[in-house]
Amino acid sequence: MDNITHEQHLADFEFREIKAPILPVEIWTKIFAFATHIPGSFEVNNYAAIAAFTRDRHGICLGNRYKETMQTKLSFSLVCKYWNGIAQQFIFEYLRIRTGDEACHIATMLERMSRQAGFREGPGRWTIRIDLVLEGVHEWLPKHARAMSRIFKHCPNLVCFSSAFSTDDPWTYGLQKMMRHLAQNPRLTRLEIKIDHRVIPIIEEVFGNRLEVLWLIPCRRLLSLDYLKMRFVLPNIRALIATAGCERYINMIELPNLRACVLGQITIGLLPLIDRRLVEYCSVSDAREVFTDLNDWPSLTILSVNVGTLAILKTPWQEHLRHEHLECVIIEDIDCMRRQMLMMKIGTRMGLFSQLDENLTRLLSPHIFPHLRCVKIFLSVQGRKNTSSLLSDEEELIWHTWLKACNDRGIRIEVSAGAMEWTGDQWKEYAHEEVFDML
């Protein structure tokens, strides 16, 4: 009897309908956000992610990531009605506008959907970032400028506007007027733009007291700035990124609250109007002025340097130097330095190797940098395991000794290999022997 009852119970259990649990919308939202995240695109506080994002100077990696994430978002929206509702906010959070006609189309769509849902409930409320990515030659008409204004009007929560990846220069699409239209977006705190001599005064006028992240790219026409006033104050900028060609512009900007500077080929000496005591993240191709005056940078926690700087830095380090806050050093362009050294005379090359060895050793000194916890190395090419070594005997000895010293001191070694990892601030930890095999 007991057996019959037990068998009947199993049969009932087997044919009973089992419903999958319905996850709360908050959990699905986090899953969708994780699956469609584009590193650095929305950040205003993560300086490392912002710096990595701006390494993608021409937007090639960003374009690939955007296509992939849009395909993922659209796939989510087609699964079921429930997912479609959740996916809408991710579909509209990042808009890329490639032509004037596309701007008109997006503006009309936002207006139509806002009328259906009510202005405050339209899809534009989810938009965080807008990129104007004009490619080639465009006829930018007044209707296109009006369309951009309409788009901004329907995106009240916009945080970032970018024209950094447009091939056209700013006067061809009326960037000055466009920025005045952006004044209606009170939450906009991040700006990525190509600039000319007319743009800087408008940045101060329109965004001066609320802009926090500014990325400046020079246009092809660099006109005289003599008739402009010589000082522009942006009191709340915490992160400045500037590429070569912007020297005269950034030299006129006062940044009293700067926390992160990414200067590419621009020397740090062109930023006289900052309080160096506040800077936490610094990335410069020539870091000699930072190393020789480290006491002026007491808050610095992350320093990104070109390895070439370490090979030519001959200025003596400050006596009794002790930096209490530096936690991470990023070393860039090892591949590039190696190619350049191959064209040098042996005597010159040996002198640079000697200087490189000395400065790398200084970086690991527990007396100078007692809180150094991580060394990050960027390699432009994926690891070269199982291939013939490209290192000379002298360079091989330097890196082998130094990486082992990192391991002995307990310093973590991380590598970013290739453009996608580098621009996505993606790092992987390796043993020192594995890193040596990659060099």
Protein backbone atom coordinates (compact mmCIF):
# COMPACT_ATOMS: atom_id res chain seq x y z
CA MET A 1 0.00 0.00 0.00
CA ASP A 2 2.81 2.32 0.92
CA ASN A 3 4.53 1.55 -2.39
CA ILE A 4 1.39 2.41 -4.36
CA THR A 5 1.02 5.69 -2.51
CA HIS A 6 4.66 6.54 -3.13
CA GLU A 7 4.42 5.72 -6.84
CA GLN A 8 1.24 7.78 -7.18
CA HIS A 9 2.97 10.70 -5.50
CA LEU A 10 5.88 10.50 -7.95
CA ALA A 11 3.47 10.34 -10.88
CA ASP A 12 1.58 13.38 -9.64
CA PHE A 13 4.86 15.28 -9.22
CA GLU A 14 6.05 14.30 -12.69
CA PHE A 15 3.00 15.68 -14.47
CA ARG A 16 2.49 18.74 -12.30
CA GLU A 17 3.15 22.01 -14.11
CA ILE A 18 6.25 23.70 -12.74
CA LYS A 19 6.38 27.47 -13.25
CA ALA A 20 9.70 29.22 -13.48
CA PRO A 21 10.05 31.98 -10.92
CA ILE A 22 9.54 35.49 -12.27
CA LEU A 23 12.53 37.66 -11.43
CA PRO A 24 11.83 41.19 -10.21
CA VAL A 25 12.29 43.89 -12.82
CA GLU A 26 15.19 45.33 -10.78
CA ILE A 27 17.21 42.13 -11.27
CA TRP A 28 16.49 41.96 -15.00
CA THR A 29 17.51 45.61 -15.27
CA LYS A 30 20.89 44.86 -13.69
CA ILE A 31 21.38 41.86 -15.99
CA PHE A 32 20.58 43.93 -19.09
CA ALA A 33 22.84 46.75 -17.91
CA PHE A 34 25.74 44.33 -17.39
CA ALA A 35 25.24 42.66 -20.78
CA THR A 36 25.10 45.95 -22.71
CA HIS A 37 27.67 48.00 -20.82
CA ILE A 38 30.09 50.08 -22.90
CA PRO A 39 33.10 50.80 -20.67
CA GLY A 40 33.66 54.46 -19.89
CA SER A 41 30.82 55.84 -21.98
CA PHE A 42 28.68 57.18 -19.12
CA GLU A 43 31.27 57.68 -16.40
CA VAL A 44 31.87 60.95 -14.59
CA ASN A 45 33.59 59.64 -11.46
CA ASN A 46 35.73 56.68 -12.59
CA TYR A 47 38.81 58.45 -13.92
CA ALA A 48 40.55 55.27 -15.07
CA ALA A 49 37.53 54.27 -17.17
CA ILE A 50 37.27 57.78 -18.64
CA ALA A 51 40.97 57.81 -19.52
CA ALA A 52 40.69 54.41 -21.20
CA PHE A 53 37.62 55.50 -23.18
CA THR A 54 39.45 58.54 -24.57
CA ARG A 55 42.38 56.43 -25.78
CA ASP A 56 40.07 55.37 -28.60
CA ARG A 57 40.85 58.59 -30.44
CA HIS A 58 38.98 57.75 -33.64
CA GLY A 59 36.14 55.81 -32.02
CA ILE A 60 36.90 52.53 -33.80
CA CYS A 61 36.60 50.33 -30.72
CA LEU A 62 33.61 52.33 -29.52
CA GLY A 63 31.86 51.85 -32.87
CA ASN A 64 32.34 48.09 -32.66
CA ARG A 65 31.08 47.99 -29.08
CA TYR A 66 28.07 50.12 -29.92
CA LYS A 67 27.01 47.82 -32.78
CA GLU A 68 27.36 44.74 -30.61
CA THR A 69 25.42 46.18 -27.69
CA MET A 70 22.62 47.50 -29.93
CA GLN A 71 22.22 44.04 -31.44
CA THR A 72 22.03 42.60 -27.93
CA LYS A 73 19.47 45.20 -26.83
CA LEU A 74 17.26 44.58 -29.86
CA SER A 75 17.50 40.83 -29.30
CA PHE A 76 16.36 41.31 -25.70
CA SER A 77 13.39 43.36 -26.87
CA LEU A 78 12.19 40.57 -29.19
CA VAL A 79 12.12 37.78 -26.59
CA CYS A 80 8.79 38.67 -24.99
CA LYS A 81 6.59 41.61 -24.08
CA TYR A 82 7.97 41.70 -20.54
CA TRP A 83 11.57 41.93 -21.75
CA ASN A 84 10.59 44.45 -24.42
CA GLY A 85 9.37 46.84 -21.76
CA ILE A 86 12.61 46.52 -19.80
CA ALA A 87 14.83 46.79 -22.89
CA GLN A 88 13.39 50.15 -24.00
CA GLN A 89 15.44 52.16 -21.53
CA PHE A 90 18.65 50.51 -22.75
CA ILE A 91 17.79 51.03 -26.42
CA PHE A 92 17.40 54.78 -25.85
CA GLU A 93 20.12 55.38 -23.24
CA TYR A 94 22.81 55.98 -25.89
CA LEU A 95 21.99 57.69 -29.22
CA ARG A 96 24.48 58.00 -32.08
CA ILE A 97 23.58 60.42 -34.87
CA ARG A 98 25.50 59.95 -38.12
CA THR A 99 23.75 62.39 -40.50
CA GLY A 100 21.51 65.42 -40.43
CA ASP A 101 18.63 63.39 -41.85
CA GLU A 102 19.10 60.84 -39.07
CA ALA A 103 18.84 63.68 -36.54
CA CYS A 104 15.49 64.68 -38.08
CA HIS A 105 14.25 61.10 -37.93
CA ILE A 106 15.24 60.64 -34.28
CA ALA A 107 13.71 63.98 -33.29
CA THR A 108 10.40 63.07 -34.96
CA MET A 109 10.38 59.64 -33.34
CA LEU A 110 11.01 61.07 -29.85
CA GLU A 111 8.23 63.62 -30.32
CA ARG A 112 5.76 61.02 -31.54
CA MET A 113 6.50 58.56 -28.74
CA SER A 114 6.40 61.35 -26.16
CA ARG A 115 2.93 62.41 -27.32
CA GLN A 116 1.72 58.85 -26.95
CA ALA A 117 3.18 58.38 -23.46
CA GLY A 118 3.09 61.93 -22.14
CA PHE A 119 6.08 64.26 -22.39
CA ARG A 120 7.67 63.26 -19.09
CA GLU A 121 7.17 59.55 -19.84
CA GLY A 122 8.67 59.57 -23.34
CA PRO A 123 11.72 57.41 -24.18
CA GLY A 124 14.00 60.44 -24.18
CA ARG A 125 13.95 60.40 -20.40
CA TRP A 126 16.25 57.37 -20.54
CA THR A 127 18.86 59.00 -22.79
CA ILE A 128 22.15 59.55 -20.97
CA ARG A 129 24.55 60.06 -23.87
CA ILE A 130 24.30 61.50 -27.40
CA ASP A 131 27.12 61.27 -29.96
CA LEU A 132 27.17 63.34 -33.12
CA VAL A 133 29.28 61.17 -35.43
CA LEU A 134 29.33 62.85 -38.84
CA GLU A 135 31.46 60.99 -41.37
CA GLY A 136 32.72 62.38 -44.65
CA VAL A 137 31.24 65.53 -46.19
CA HIS A 138 27.81 66.65 -45.01
CA GLU A 139 25.39 69.39 -45.94
CA TRP A 140 24.30 70.54 -42.51
CA LEU A 141 21.08 72.49 -42.98
CA PRO A 142 19.07 74.69 -40.57
CA LYS A 143 16.50 71.90 -40.24
CA HIS A 144 19.23 69.59 -38.98
CA ALA A 145 20.26 72.11 -36.32
CA ARG A 146 16.61 72.46 -35.26
CA ALA A 147 16.33 68.68 -35.07
CA MET A 148 19.25 68.54 -32.64
CA SER A 149 17.54 71.14 -30.46
CA ARG A 150 14.34 69.07 -30.50
CA ILE A 151 16.30 65.97 -29.49
CA PHE A 152 17.93 67.79 -26.57
CA LYS A 153 14.51 69.04 -25.45
CA HIS A 154 13.19 65.49 -25.19
CA CYS A 155 16.26 64.17 -23.31
CA PRO A 156 16.02 65.94 -19.92
CA ASN A 157 18.42 63.51 -18.19
CA LEU A 158 21.23 63.85 -20.72
CA VAL A 159 24.63 63.57 -19.01
CA CYS A 160 27.09 63.48 -21.92
CA PHE A 161 27.26 65.06 -25.37
CA SER A 162 30.07 64.19 -27.77
CA SER A 163 31.21 65.40 -31.17
CA ALA A 164 34.68 63.92 -30.62
CA PHE A 165 34.31 61.31 -33.35
CA SER A 166 32.95 63.54 -36.12
CA THR A 167 35.25 63.88 -39.09
CA ASP A 168 33.76 67.31 -39.85
CA ASP A 169 35.04 70.35 -38.01
CA PRO A 170 32.80 72.22 -35.55
CA TRP A 171 31.88 75.21 -37.73
CA THR A 172 30.38 72.94 -40.40
CA TYR A 173 27.57 71.79 -38.11
CA GLY A 174 27.18 74.88 -35.94
CA LEU A 175 28.62 73.55 -32.70
CA GLN A 176 28.40 76.95 -31.02
CA LYS A 177 24.62 77.18 -31.44
CA MET A 178 24.26 73.51 -30.57
CA MET A 179 25.97 74.06 -27.23
CA ARG A 180 23.63 76.94 -26.46
CA HIS A 181 20.71 74.58 -27.06
CA LEU A 182 22.35 72.15 -24.62
CA ALA A 183 21.91 74.78 -21.91
CA GLN A 184 18.36 73.41 -21.49
CA ASN A 185 19.82 70.12 -20.19
CA PRO A 186 20.67 70.84 -16.54
CA ARG A 187 22.16 67.39 -15.87
CA LEU A 188 24.78 67.56 -18.61
CA THR A 189 28.16 67.29 -16.88
CA ARG A 190 30.38 65.64 -19.51
CA LEU A 191 31.42 67.19 -22.82
CA GLU A 192 33.61 65.69 -25.57
CA ILE A 193 34.13 68.09 -28.44
CA LYS A 194 36.33 69.25 -31.25
CA ILE A 195 37.20 72.85 -30.55
CA ASP A 196 38.26 75.99 -32.33
CA HIS A 197 38.88 79.48 -30.97
CA ARG A 198 35.15 80.26 -30.73
CA VAL A 199 34.15 77.26 -28.64
CA ILE A 200 36.10 77.82 -25.40
CA PRO A 201 34.24 81.03 -24.42
CA ILE A 202 30.89 79.31 -24.96
CA ILE A 203 31.92 76.37 -22.78
CA GLU A 204 32.60 78.81 -19.96
CA GLU A 205 29.40 80.76 -20.59
CA VAL A 206 26.99 77.84 -20.94
CA PHE A 207 28.49 75.07 -18.80
CA GLY A 208 31.01 76.88 -16.62
CA ASN A 209 29.56 76.02 -13.22
CA ARG A 210 28.34 72.46 -13.84
CA LEU A 211 30.72 70.75 -16.26
CA GLU A 212 32.76 67.99 -14.58
CA VAL A 213 34.42 66.06 -17.44
CA LEU A 214 35.88 67.78 -20.51
CA TRP A 215 37.59 66.12 -23.49
CA LEU A 216 39.08 68.51 -26.04
CA ILE A 217 40.16 67.53 -29.56
CA PRO A 218 41.64 70.13 -31.92
CA CYS A 219 40.05 70.78 -35.28
CA ARG A 220 41.99 71.38 -38.48
CA ARG A 221 41.63 75.16 -38.34
CA LEU A 222 43.59 76.67 -35.47
CA LEU A 223 43.03 80.42 -35.52
CA SER A 224 44.58 83.17 -33.47
CA LEU A 225 43.40 83.48 -29.89
CA ASP A 226 44.94 86.90 -29.36
CA TYR A 227 41.65 88.78 -29.32
CA LEU A 228 40.15 86.46 -26.69
CA LYS A 229 40.47 87.07 -23.00
CA MET A 230 43.36 85.09 -21.60
CA ARG A 231 41.65 83.28 -18.73
CA PHE A 232 38.63 80.99 -18.71
CA VAL A 233 37.50 79.51 -15.41
CA LEU A 234 35.80 76.11 -15.20
CA PRO A 235 35.49 75.68 -11.43
CA ASN A 236 33.94 72.20 -11.27
CA ILE A 237 35.96 70.32 -13.88
CA ARG A 238 37.36 67.18 -12.23
CA ALA A 239 38.69 65.40 -15.33
CA LEU A 240 40.40 67.03 -18.31
CA ILE A 241 41.45 65.10 -21.41
CA ALA A 242 43.28 66.95 -24.17
CA THR A 243 45.09 65.72 -27.27
CA ALA A 244 48.02 67.26 -29.12
CA GLY A 245 47.07 70.54 -30.77
CA CYS A 246 45.10 71.86 -27.80
CA GLU A 247 48.09 73.39 -26.03
CA ARG A 248 47.09 77.04 -26.47
CA TYR A 249 43.54 76.35 -25.36
CA ILE A 250 44.22 74.46 -22.17
CA ASN A 251 46.94 76.91 -21.20
CA MET A 252 44.21 79.54 -20.77
CA ILE A 253 41.82 77.44 -18.67
CA GLU A 254 41.79 77.69 -14.90
CA LEU A 255 40.82 74.38 -13.26
CA PRO A 256 40.88 74.82 -9.48
CA ASN A 257 39.25 71.43 -8.70
CA LEU A 258 40.97 69.16 -11.22
CA ARG A 259 41.36 65.57 -10.02
CA ALA A 260 42.40 63.78 -13.23
CA CYS A 261 44.39 64.93 -16.25
CA VAL A 262 45.03 62.92 -19.41
CA LEU A 263 47.26 64.93 -21.71
CA GLY A 264 48.59 62.59 -24.39
CA GLN A 265 51.48 64.35 -26.14
CA ILE A 266 50.98 67.58 -24.17
CA THR A 267 53.45 68.30 -21.38
CA ILE A 268 52.19 68.85 -17.86
CA GLY A 269 53.95 72.22 -17.82
CA LEU A 270 51.16 73.61 -19.99
CA LEU A 271 48.72 73.29 -17.08
CA PRO A 272 49.87 76.07 -14.77
CA LEU A 273 46.39 76.89 -13.49
CA ILE A 274 45.64 73.75 -11.51
CA ASP A 275 46.15 72.77 -7.90
CA ARG A 276 48.51 69.82 -8.26
CA ARG A 277 47.91 68.85 -4.65
CA LEU A 278 44.40 67.66 -5.60
CA VAL A 279 45.24 65.53 -8.67
CA GLU A 280 44.61 61.80 -8.12
CA TYR A 281 45.01 60.41 -11.67
CA CYS A 282 47.65 61.60 -14.13
CA SER A 283 48.39 60.23 -17.59
CA VAL A 284 51.05 61.99 -19.64
CA SER A 285 53.39 60.75 -22.33
CA ASP A 286 56.30 62.71 -20.82
CA ALA A 287 56.12 62.39 -17.03
CA ARG A 288 59.53 63.86 -16.23
CA GLU A 289 58.03 66.95 -14.61
CA VAL A 290 55.85 64.74 -12.42
CA PHE A 291 58.71 62.51 -11.27
CA THR A 292 61.06 65.39 -10.56
CA ASP A 293 58.45 67.25 -8.46
CA LEU A 294 56.50 64.41 -6.89
CA ASN A 295 56.12 66.31 -3.63
CA ASP A 296 53.86 68.71 -5.53
CA TRP A 297 51.46 65.82 -6.22
CA PRO A 298 50.68 64.43 -2.75
CA SER A 299 47.22 63.04 -3.66
CA LEU A 300 48.37 61.13 -6.75
CA THR A 301 47.22 57.49 -6.59
CA ILE A 302 47.48 56.40 -10.26
CA LEU A 303 50.25 57.51 -12.63
CA SER A 304 50.34 56.42 -16.26
CA VAL A 305 53.67 56.92 -18.03
CA ASN A 306 55.28 56.18 -21.36
CA VAL A 307 58.13 53.74 -20.87
CA GLY A 308 60.28 56.08 -22.95
CA THR A 309 60.09 58.60 -20.11
CA LEU A 310 61.68 56.06 -17.79
CA ALA A 311 64.47 55.51 -20.32
CA ILE A 312 65.38 59.20 -20.67
CA LEU A 313 64.65 60.48 -17.15
CA LYS A 314 68.10 61.60 -15.99
CA THR A 315 67.06 64.30 -13.52
CA PRO A 316 67.98 63.11 -10.01
CA TRP A 317 65.04 62.07 -7.87
CA GLN A 318 64.28 64.33 -4.95
CA GLU A 319 66.35 63.53 -1.90
CA HIS A 320 64.45 61.82 0.93
CA LEU A 321 61.41 61.53 -1.34
CA ARG A 322 58.53 59.54 0.12
CA HIS A 323 55.15 59.48 -1.62
CA GLU A 324 52.43 58.11 0.64
CA HIS A 325 49.52 57.76 -1.79
CA LEU A 326 50.75 56.32 -5.10
CA GLU A 327 49.14 52.88 -5.45
CA CYS A 328 49.35 52.06 -9.16
CA VAL A 329 51.74 52.77 -12.04
CA ILE A 330 50.67 52.14 -15.64
CA ILE A 331 53.49 51.59 -18.14
CA GLU A 332 52.64 52.27 -21.79
CA ASP A 333 54.22 51.79 -25.21
CA ILE A 334 56.83 49.12 -24.52
CA ASP A 335 56.38 47.85 -28.09
CA CYS A 336 56.89 51.33 -29.54
CA MET A 337 60.06 51.97 -27.52
CA ARG A 338 61.51 48.64 -28.65
CA ARG A 339 60.99 49.51 -32.33
CA GLN A 340 62.64 52.90 -31.85
CA MET A 341 65.64 51.40 -30.07
CA LEU A 342 66.25 48.97 -32.91
CA MET A 343 67.21 51.98 -35.07
CA MET A 344 69.65 53.42 -32.50
CA LYS A 345 73.38 52.92 -32.19
CA ILE A 346 74.46 50.32 -29.65
CA GLY A 347 76.07 52.89 -27.36
CA THR A 348 72.94 55.04 -27.26
CA ARG A 349 70.75 52.02 -26.71
CA MET A 350 72.86 50.77 -23.82
CA GLY A 351 72.67 54.18 -22.13
CA LEU A 352 68.88 54.16 -22.35
CA PHE A 353 68.71 50.62 -20.99
CA SER A 354 70.83 51.66 -18.03
CA GLN A 355 68.56 54.63 -17.29
CA LEU A 356 65.45 52.48 -17.69
CA ASP A 357 66.83 49.91 -15.26
CA GLU A 358 67.58 52.59 -12.66
CA ASN A 359 64.15 54.22 -12.85
CA LEU A 360 62.24 50.94 -12.84
CA THR A 361 64.15 49.99 -9.70
CA ARG A 362 63.23 53.34 -8.12
CA LEU A 363 59.55 52.69 -8.78
CA LEU A 364 59.70 49.56 -6.63
CA SER A 365 61.50 51.21 -3.73
CA PRO A 366 59.43 50.68 -0.55
CA HIS A 367 61.05 53.81 0.89
CA ILE A 368 59.86 56.04 -1.99
CA PHE A 369 56.50 54.38 -2.75
CA PRO A 370 55.52 52.41 0.37
CA HIS A 371 51.91 51.90 -0.74
CA LEU A 372 52.49 50.81 -4.34
CA ARG A 373 50.21 47.80 -4.84
CA CYS A 374 49.85 47.31 -8.60
CA VAL A 375 51.84 47.67 -11.81
CA LYS A 376 49.86 47.67 -15.06
CA ILE A 377 51.50 47.08 -18.43
CA PHE A 378 49.92 47.87 -21.79
CA LEU A 379 50.96 45.79 -24.80
CA SER A 380 49.63 46.90 -28.17
CA VAL A 381 49.78 43.34 -29.50
CA GLN A 382 48.34 40.22 -27.88
CA GLY A 383 50.82 38.07 -25.96
CA ARG A 384 53.69 36.46 -27.85
CA LYS A 385 53.86 33.16 -26.01
CA ASN A 386 55.59 30.31 -27.83
CA THR A 387 57.27 32.69 -30.26
CA SER A 388 60.91 33.63 -30.58
CA SER A 389 61.90 36.36 -28.17
CA LEU A 390 61.99 39.89 -29.57
CA LEU A 391 63.94 41.25 -26.60
CA SER A 392 67.64 41.99 -26.74
CA ASP A 393 69.72 40.30 -24.05
CA GLU A 394 70.07 43.58 -22.14
CA GLU A 395 66.36 44.37 -22.18
CA GLU A 396 65.48 40.78 -21.37
CA LEU A 397 67.59 40.91 -18.21
CA ILE A 398 66.06 44.25 -17.15
CA TRP A 399 62.45 43.09 -17.45
CA HIS A 400 63.08 39.64 -16.00
CA THR A 401 64.78 41.11 -12.93
CA TRP A 402 62.19 43.83 -12.48
CA LEU A 403 59.12 41.59 -12.84
CA LYS A 404 60.60 39.17 -10.33
CA ALA A 405 61.21 42.09 -7.96
CA CYS A 406 57.53 43.04 -8.31
CA ASN A 407 56.59 39.51 -7.34
CA ASP A 408 59.02 39.46 -4.40
CA ARG A 409 57.55 42.68 -3.02
CA GLY A 410 53.98 41.42 -3.44
CA ILE A 411 53.05 43.93 -6.13
CA ARG A 412 50.28 42.73 -8.43
CA ILE A 413 51.10 42.68 -12.16
CA GLU A 414 48.27 43.24 -14.63
CA VAL A 415 48.31 43.38 -18.43
CA SER A 416 46.04 44.99 -20.99
CA ALA A 417 46.72 43.52 -24.43
CA GLY A 418 45.34 44.96 -27.63
CA ALA A 419 43.20 48.00 -28.39
CA MET A 420 39.87 46.59 -27.18
CA GLU A 421 41.19 45.81 -23.70
CA TRP A 422 43.19 49.04 -23.52
CA THR A 423 40.25 51.31 -24.41
CA GLY A 424 37.90 49.32 -22.18
CA ASP A 425 40.09 49.60 -19.06
CA GLN A 426 40.26 45.80 -18.99
CA TRP A 427 43.16 44.22 -17.12
CA LYS A 428 44.12 40.65 -16.28
CA GLU A 429 46.44 39.62 -13.50
CA TYR A 430 49.34 37.35 -14.45
CA ALA A 431 52.30 35.73 -12.73
CA HIS A 432 55.57 37.52 -13.41
CA GLU A 433 56.83 34.63 -15.57
CA GLU A 434 53.71 34.85 -17.77
CA VAL A 435 54.13 38.59 -18.24
CA PHE A 436 57.76 38.10 -19.24
CA ASP A 437 56.63 35.66 -21.95
CA MET A 438 54.31 38.34 -23.36
CA LEU A 439 56.97 41.01 -23.74
